[in-house]
Amino acid sequence: MTTQTYYVSWHTWMEQEVNTPWDFWYLSKGTMPKATGETANLDPEQVWQVWQNPQDIKWDSLTQPVWDIKLAAFVQAESEEKAQSQVSELFTDAVYDKCVWVDEDTQQQIKKLFGETLTRGV
């Protein structure tokens, strides 16, 4: 089966650095908060302090949500499903916005748009 180029955009909440076999672009941040189970990782002393002095220590300050970032990449794959699968292997929490086949001209236009946007933002 032949591979094609897919434009894939997704949201992730991963906080560690990820190495990918393809370039990806940062598109936006902070549109979808997600609890990350931080209450399970709280120090018991912190919980006790909140219980003893709720007016002094706010529970919300200990359980802040993590905000997503939106990324995009051009992925070589045999199908849309396999393109998403490649992304999911590296970004296990990926929530997809778009996954579409693009021809070479469309890919170059999108890359140009990304480049112009980055240049304008400087």
N, C-alpha and C. Protein backbone atom coordinates (compact mmCIF):
# COMPACT_ATOMS: atom_id res chain seq x y z
N MET A 1 0.84 -1.18 0.00
CA MET A 1 0.00 0.00 0.00
C MET A 1 0.89 1.24 0.00
N THR A 2 0.50 2.26 -0.71
CA THR A 2 1.30 3.48 -0.80
C THR A 2 0.95 4.44 0.34
N THR A 3 1.95 5.22 0.71
CA THR A 3 1.70 6.21 1.76
C THR A 3 1.33 7.54 1.12
N GLN A 4 0.57 8.29 1.88
CA GLN A 4 0.15 9.62 1.47
C GLN A 4 0.43 10.58 2.62
N THR A 5 0.32 11.85 2.35
CA THR A 5 0.54 12.86 3.37
C THR A 5 -0.79 13.29 3.96
N TYR A 6 -0.85 13.26 5.30
CA TYR A 6 -2.05 13.69 6.01
C TYR A 6 -1.70 14.87 6.91
N TYR A 7 -2.57 15.87 6.86
CA TYR A 7 -2.47 16.99 7.79
C TYR A 7 -3.26 16.56 9.03
N VAL A 8 -2.57 16.53 10.17
CA VAL A 8 -3.21 16.10 11.41
C VAL A 8 -3.06 17.22 12.44
N SER A 9 -4.17 17.60 13.07
CA SER A 9 -4.09 18.55 14.19
C SER A 9 -4.79 17.91 15.39
N TRP A 10 -4.21 18.15 16.57
CA TRP A 10 -4.72 17.51 17.78
C TRP A 10 -4.41 18.35 19.02
N HIS A 11 -5.13 18.04 20.07
CA HIS A 11 -4.90 18.64 21.38
C HIS A 11 -4.19 17.61 22.24
N THR A 12 -3.28 18.08 23.10
CA THR A 12 -2.60 17.20 24.04
C THR A 12 -2.40 17.94 25.36
N TRP A 13 -2.33 17.17 26.42
CA TRP A 13 -2.08 17.71 27.75
C TRP A 13 -0.74 17.23 28.29
N MET A 14 0.04 16.57 27.44
CA MET A 14 1.33 16.04 27.88
C MET A 14 2.26 17.19 28.24
N GLU A 15 2.95 17.04 29.34
CA GLU A 15 3.82 18.11 29.81
C GLU A 15 5.30 17.83 29.57
N GLN A 16 5.63 16.62 29.19
CA GLN A 16 7.02 16.29 28.93
C GLN A 16 7.34 16.46 27.45
N GLU A 17 8.63 16.59 27.16
CA GLU A 17 9.09 16.75 25.79
C GLU A 17 8.89 15.44 25.02
N VAL A 18 8.49 15.57 23.76
CA VAL A 18 8.24 14.40 22.91
C VAL A 18 9.07 14.55 21.64
N ASN A 19 9.80 13.52 21.27
CA ASN A 19 10.54 13.50 20.01
C ASN A 19 9.71 12.76 18.98
N THR A 20 9.55 13.36 17.82
CA THR A 20 8.72 12.77 16.77
C THR A 20 9.55 12.56 15.51
N PRO A 21 9.12 11.64 14.65
CA PRO A 21 9.82 11.45 13.38
C PRO A 21 9.43 12.50 12.34
N TRP A 22 8.50 13.38 12.67
CA TRP A 22 8.04 14.43 11.76
C TRP A 22 8.02 15.75 12.52
N ASP A 23 8.13 16.84 11.76
CA ASP A 23 8.04 18.17 12.37
C ASP A 23 6.58 18.41 12.77
N PHE A 24 6.41 19.17 13.85
CA PHE A 24 5.06 19.59 14.20
C PHE A 24 5.09 21.05 14.60
N TRP A 25 3.94 21.69 14.51
CA TRP A 25 3.80 23.10 14.80
C TRP A 25 2.86 23.31 15.96
N TYR A 26 3.21 24.27 16.78
CA TYR A 26 2.38 24.69 17.90
C TYR A 26 1.35 25.67 17.36
N LEU A 27 0.05 25.37 17.55
CA LEU A 27 -1.00 26.23 17.00
C LEU A 27 -1.67 27.12 18.05
N SER A 28 -1.95 26.57 19.23
CA SER A 28 -2.62 27.37 20.26
C SER A 28 -2.52 26.67 21.60
N LYS A 29 -2.97 27.37 22.63
CA LYS A 29 -2.99 26.77 23.96
C LYS A 29 -4.24 27.20 24.71
N GLY A 30 -4.56 26.42 25.72
CA GLY A 30 -5.53 26.84 26.70
C GLY A 30 -6.98 26.90 26.30
N THR A 31 -7.49 25.94 25.53
CA THR A 31 -8.91 25.96 25.20
C THR A 31 -9.69 24.87 25.91
N MET A 32 -8.99 23.84 26.42
CA MET A 32 -9.69 22.73 27.07
C MET A 32 -8.95 22.29 28.33
N PRO A 33 -9.45 22.68 29.52
CA PRO A 33 -8.78 22.25 30.75
C PRO A 33 -9.07 20.77 31.01
N LYS A 34 -8.14 20.14 31.69
CA LYS A 34 -8.31 18.72 32.00
C LYS A 34 -7.71 18.45 33.37
N ALA A 35 -8.47 17.79 34.22
CA ALA A 35 -7.92 17.36 35.50
C ALA A 35 -6.96 16.23 35.20
N THR A 36 -5.86 16.20 35.91
CA THR A 36 -4.85 15.19 35.63
C THR A 36 -4.62 14.24 36.78
N GLY A 37 -5.58 14.15 37.68
CA GLY A 37 -5.41 13.24 38.80
C GLY A 37 -4.42 13.76 39.83
N GLU A 38 -4.26 15.11 39.84
CA GLU A 38 -3.28 15.66 40.76
C GLU A 38 -3.65 15.43 42.21
N THR A 39 -4.93 15.23 42.51
CA THR A 39 -5.31 14.96 43.89
C THR A 39 -4.72 13.65 44.37
N ALA A 40 -4.51 12.70 43.47
CA ALA A 40 -3.91 11.42 43.86
C ALA A 40 -2.43 11.59 44.22
N ASN A 41 -1.81 12.67 43.73
CA ASN A 41 -0.39 12.89 43.98
C ASN A 41 -0.11 13.91 45.07
N LEU A 42 -1.16 14.38 45.73
CA LEU A 42 -0.96 15.38 46.77
C LEU A 42 -0.29 14.75 47.99
N ASP A 43 0.54 15.55 48.59
CA ASP A 43 1.16 15.16 49.85
C ASP A 43 0.06 15.12 50.91
N PRO A 44 -0.02 14.05 51.71
CA PRO A 44 -1.05 13.99 52.77
C PRO A 44 -1.02 15.18 53.71
N GLU A 45 0.17 15.75 53.90
CA GLU A 45 0.29 16.94 54.75
C GLU A 45 -0.46 18.12 54.14
N GLN A 46 -0.41 18.27 52.81
CA GLN A 46 -1.14 19.34 52.14
C GLN A 46 -2.64 19.18 52.35
N VAL A 47 -3.12 17.95 52.23
CA VAL A 47 -4.55 17.69 52.42
C VAL A 47 -4.94 18.01 53.86
N TRP A 48 -4.11 17.60 54.81
CA TRP A 48 -4.38 17.87 56.22
C TRP A 48 -4.42 19.38 56.49
N GLN A 49 -3.50 20.14 55.88
CA GLN A 49 -3.48 21.59 56.07
C GLN A 49 -4.74 22.23 55.54
N VAL A 50 -5.23 21.79 54.41
CA VAL A 50 -6.47 22.32 53.84
C VAL A 50 -7.63 22.00 54.78
N TRP A 51 -7.64 20.79 55.29
CA TRP A 51 -8.71 20.36 56.20
C TRP A 51 -8.72 21.21 57.47
N GLN A 52 -7.53 21.48 58.01
CA GLN A 52 -7.41 22.23 59.26
C GLN A 52 -7.64 23.73 59.07
N ASN A 53 -7.20 24.26 57.94
CA ASN A 53 -7.25 25.71 57.71
C ASN A 53 -7.80 26.02 56.31
N PRO A 54 -9.05 25.71 56.04
CA PRO A 54 -9.56 25.90 54.68
C PRO A 54 -9.51 27.35 54.21
N GLN A 55 -9.55 28.30 55.14
CA GLN A 55 -9.49 29.70 54.73
C GLN A 55 -8.07 30.13 54.38
N ASP A 56 -7.05 29.41 54.89
CA ASP A 56 -5.66 29.78 54.62
C ASP A 56 -5.13 29.18 53.32
N ILE A 57 -5.51 27.95 53.04
CA ILE A 57 -5.01 27.26 51.85
C ILE A 57 -6.20 26.86 51.00
N LYS A 58 -6.24 27.33 49.82
CA LYS A 58 -7.35 27.03 48.92
C LYS A 58 -7.14 25.70 48.23
N TRP A 59 -8.14 24.84 48.29
CA TRP A 59 -8.08 23.54 47.62
C TRP A 59 -7.82 23.72 46.14
N ASP A 60 -8.44 24.73 45.53
CA ASP A 60 -8.26 24.97 44.09
C ASP A 60 -6.81 25.21 43.72
N SER A 61 -6.03 25.82 44.63
CA SER A 61 -4.64 26.10 44.31
C SER A 61 -3.81 24.81 44.26
N LEU A 62 -4.31 23.74 44.88
CA LEU A 62 -3.60 22.47 44.86
C LEU A 62 -4.05 21.56 43.71
N THR A 63 -5.18 21.87 43.13
CA THR A 63 -5.74 20.98 42.10
C THR A 63 -6.04 21.75 40.81
N GLN A 64 -5.11 22.58 40.39
CA GLN A 64 -5.28 23.35 39.16
C GLN A 64 -5.35 22.42 37.96
N PRO A 65 -6.25 22.69 37.01
CA PRO A 65 -6.29 21.86 35.81
C PRO A 65 -5.09 22.16 34.91
N VAL A 66 -4.78 21.21 34.05
CA VAL A 66 -3.75 21.40 33.03
C VAL A 66 -4.48 21.82 31.76
N TRP A 67 -3.95 22.84 31.09
CA TRP A 67 -4.56 23.30 29.84
C TRP A 67 -3.87 22.62 28.68
N ASP A 68 -4.63 22.37 27.65
CA ASP A 68 -4.12 21.70 26.45
C ASP A 68 -3.26 22.64 25.62
N ILE A 69 -2.55 22.04 24.68
CA ILE A 69 -1.96 22.78 23.58
C ILE A 69 -2.41 22.08 22.30
N LYS A 70 -2.54 22.84 21.25
CA LYS A 70 -2.94 22.29 19.96
C LYS A 70 -1.73 22.26 19.04
N LEU A 71 -1.49 21.09 18.46
CA LEU A 71 -0.35 20.88 17.57
C LEU A 71 -0.84 20.42 16.20
N ALA A 72 0.02 20.55 15.21
CA ALA A 72 -0.28 20.07 13.86
C ALA A 72 0.98 19.50 13.24
N ALA A 73 0.78 18.50 12.36
CA ALA A 73 1.91 17.87 11.68
C ALA A 73 1.45 17.32 10.34
N PHE A 74 2.43 17.05 9.49
CA PHE A 74 2.17 16.32 8.24
C PHE A 74 2.75 14.93 8.45
N VAL A 75 1.89 13.93 8.38
CA VAL A 75 2.28 12.56 8.69
C VAL A 75 2.12 11.70 7.44
N GLN A 76 3.15 10.93 7.14
CA GLN A 76 3.09 9.98 6.02
C GLN A 76 2.46 8.68 6.52
N ALA A 77 1.39 8.26 5.88
CA ALA A 77 0.71 7.04 6.32
C ALA A 77 -0.10 6.46 5.17
N GLU A 78 -0.54 5.21 5.37
CA GLU A 78 -1.34 4.52 4.36
C GLU A 78 -2.81 4.91 4.42
N SER A 79 -3.24 5.44 5.57
CA SER A 79 -4.65 5.83 5.73
C SER A 79 -4.77 6.87 6.83
N GLU A 80 -5.94 7.47 6.90
CA GLU A 80 -6.23 8.44 7.95
C GLU A 80 -6.06 7.80 9.34
N GLU A 81 -6.58 6.59 9.49
CA GLU A 81 -6.50 5.88 10.76
C GLU A 81 -5.04 5.63 11.17
N LYS A 82 -4.20 5.27 10.20
CA LYS A 82 -2.80 4.99 10.51
C LYS A 82 -2.04 6.29 10.82
N ALA A 83 -2.43 7.38 10.20
CA ALA A 83 -1.81 8.67 10.52
C ALA A 83 -2.13 9.04 11.98
N GLN A 84 -3.39 8.89 12.37
CA GLN A 84 -3.76 9.17 13.75
C GLN A 84 -3.08 8.20 14.71
N SER A 85 -2.94 6.96 14.30
CA SER A 85 -2.28 5.95 15.13
C SER A 85 -0.83 6.34 15.41
N GLN A 86 -0.14 6.88 14.39
CA GLN A 86 1.25 7.32 14.59
C GLN A 86 1.32 8.43 15.63
N VAL A 87 0.38 9.37 15.55
CA VAL A 87 0.36 10.47 16.52
C VAL A 87 0.03 9.92 17.91
N SER A 88 -0.94 9.02 17.98
CA SER A 88 -1.36 8.47 19.28
C SER A 88 -0.26 7.67 19.97
N GLU A 89 0.64 7.09 19.19
CA GLU A 89 1.76 6.36 19.80
C GLU A 89 2.65 7.29 20.62
N LEU A 90 2.77 8.53 20.18
CA LEU A 90 3.63 9.49 20.86
C LEU A 90 2.86 10.42 21.79
N PHE A 91 1.64 10.73 21.43
CA PHE A 91 0.77 11.61 22.23
C PHE A 91 -0.44 10.76 22.62
N THR A 92 -0.28 10.01 23.68
CA THR A 92 -1.30 9.01 24.05
C THR A 92 -2.64 9.63 24.43
N ASP A 93 -2.65 10.90 24.76
CA ASP A 93 -3.90 11.57 25.15
C ASP A 93 -4.49 12.42 24.02
N ALA A 94 -4.01 12.26 22.80
CA ALA A 94 -4.41 13.11 21.68
C ALA A 94 -5.93 13.10 21.46
N VAL A 95 -6.46 14.31 21.29
CA VAL A 95 -7.85 14.50 20.88
C VAL A 95 -7.76 15.23 19.54
N TYR A 96 -8.26 14.60 18.50
CA TYR A 96 -8.05 15.09 17.14
C TYR A 96 -9.06 16.15 16.73
N ASP A 97 -8.54 17.18 16.05
CA ASP A 97 -9.37 18.20 15.41
C ASP A 97 -9.57 17.87 13.94
N LYS A 98 -8.47 17.49 13.30
CA LYS A 98 -8.53 17.28 11.86
C LYS A 98 -7.49 16.25 11.46
N CYS A 99 -7.87 15.43 10.50
CA CYS A 99 -6.94 14.50 9.87
C CYS A 99 -7.43 14.32 8.44
N VAL A 100 -6.72 14.96 7.51
CA VAL A 100 -7.14 14.93 6.11
C VAL A 100 -5.94 14.74 5.20
N TRP A 101 -6.18 14.06 4.11
CA TRP A 101 -5.16 13.90 3.07
C TRP A 101 -4.93 15.25 2.43
N VAL A 102 -3.65 15.57 2.17
CA VAL A 102 -3.32 16.81 1.47
C VAL A 102 -2.35 16.49 0.34
N ASP A 103 -2.50 17.22 -0.76
CA ASP A 103 -1.54 17.07 -1.85
C ASP A 103 -0.34 17.97 -1.56
N GLU A 104 0.69 17.86 -2.39
CA GLU A 104 1.93 18.61 -2.19
C GLU A 104 1.69 20.12 -2.18
N ASP A 105 0.85 20.62 -3.11
CA ASP A 105 0.58 22.06 -3.17
C ASP A 105 -0.09 22.55 -1.88
N THR A 106 -1.07 21.82 -1.40
CA THR A 106 -1.78 22.21 -0.17
C THR A 106 -0.82 22.18 1.02
N GLN A 107 0.01 21.16 1.08
CA GLN A 107 0.98 21.07 2.16
C GLN A 107 1.90 22.28 2.14
N GLN A 108 2.41 22.67 0.99
CA GLN A 108 3.30 23.82 0.88
C GLN A 108 2.58 25.12 1.26
N GLN A 109 1.31 25.25 0.87
CA GLN A 109 0.54 26.44 1.23
C GLN A 109 0.35 26.54 2.75
N ILE A 110 0.07 25.41 3.38
CA ILE A 110 -0.10 25.41 4.83
C ILE A 110 1.22 25.74 5.51
N LYS A 111 2.31 25.16 5.05
CA LYS A 111 3.62 25.46 5.63
C LYS A 111 3.97 26.94 5.45
N LYS A 112 3.63 27.49 4.29
CA LYS A 112 3.87 28.92 4.04
C LYS A 112 3.05 29.77 5.01
N LEU A 113 1.80 29.39 5.21
CA LEU A 113 0.94 30.11 6.15
C LEU A 113 1.52 30.04 7.56
N PHE A 114 1.97 28.85 7.98
CA PHE A 114 2.60 28.72 9.28
C PHE A 114 3.82 29.64 9.38
N GLY A 115 4.65 29.64 8.34
CA GLY A 115 5.84 30.48 8.33
C GLY A 115 5.52 31.96 8.40
N GLU A 116 4.52 32.40 7.64
CA GLU A 116 4.14 33.81 7.64
C GLU A 116 3.56 34.20 8.99
N THR A 117 2.81 33.31 9.60
CA THR A 117 2.21 33.59 10.90
C THR A 117 3.29 33.73 11.94
N LEU A 118 4.28 32.84 11.92
CA LEU A 118 5.38 32.92 12.88
C LEU A 118 6.19 34.19 12.66
N THR A 119 6.41 34.58 11.40
CA THR A 119 7.16 35.77 11.11
C THR A 119 6.41 37.01 11.59
N ARG A 120 5.09 37.05 11.37
CA ARG A 120 4.31 38.20 11.79
C ARG A 120 4.28 38.32 13.31
N GLY A 121 4.33 37.19 14.02
CA GLY A 121 4.26 37.23 15.47
C GLY A 121 5.54 37.68 16.14
N VAL A 122 6.64 37.81 15.38
CA VAL A 122 7.92 38.17 15.98
C VAL A 122 8.03 39.65 16.17
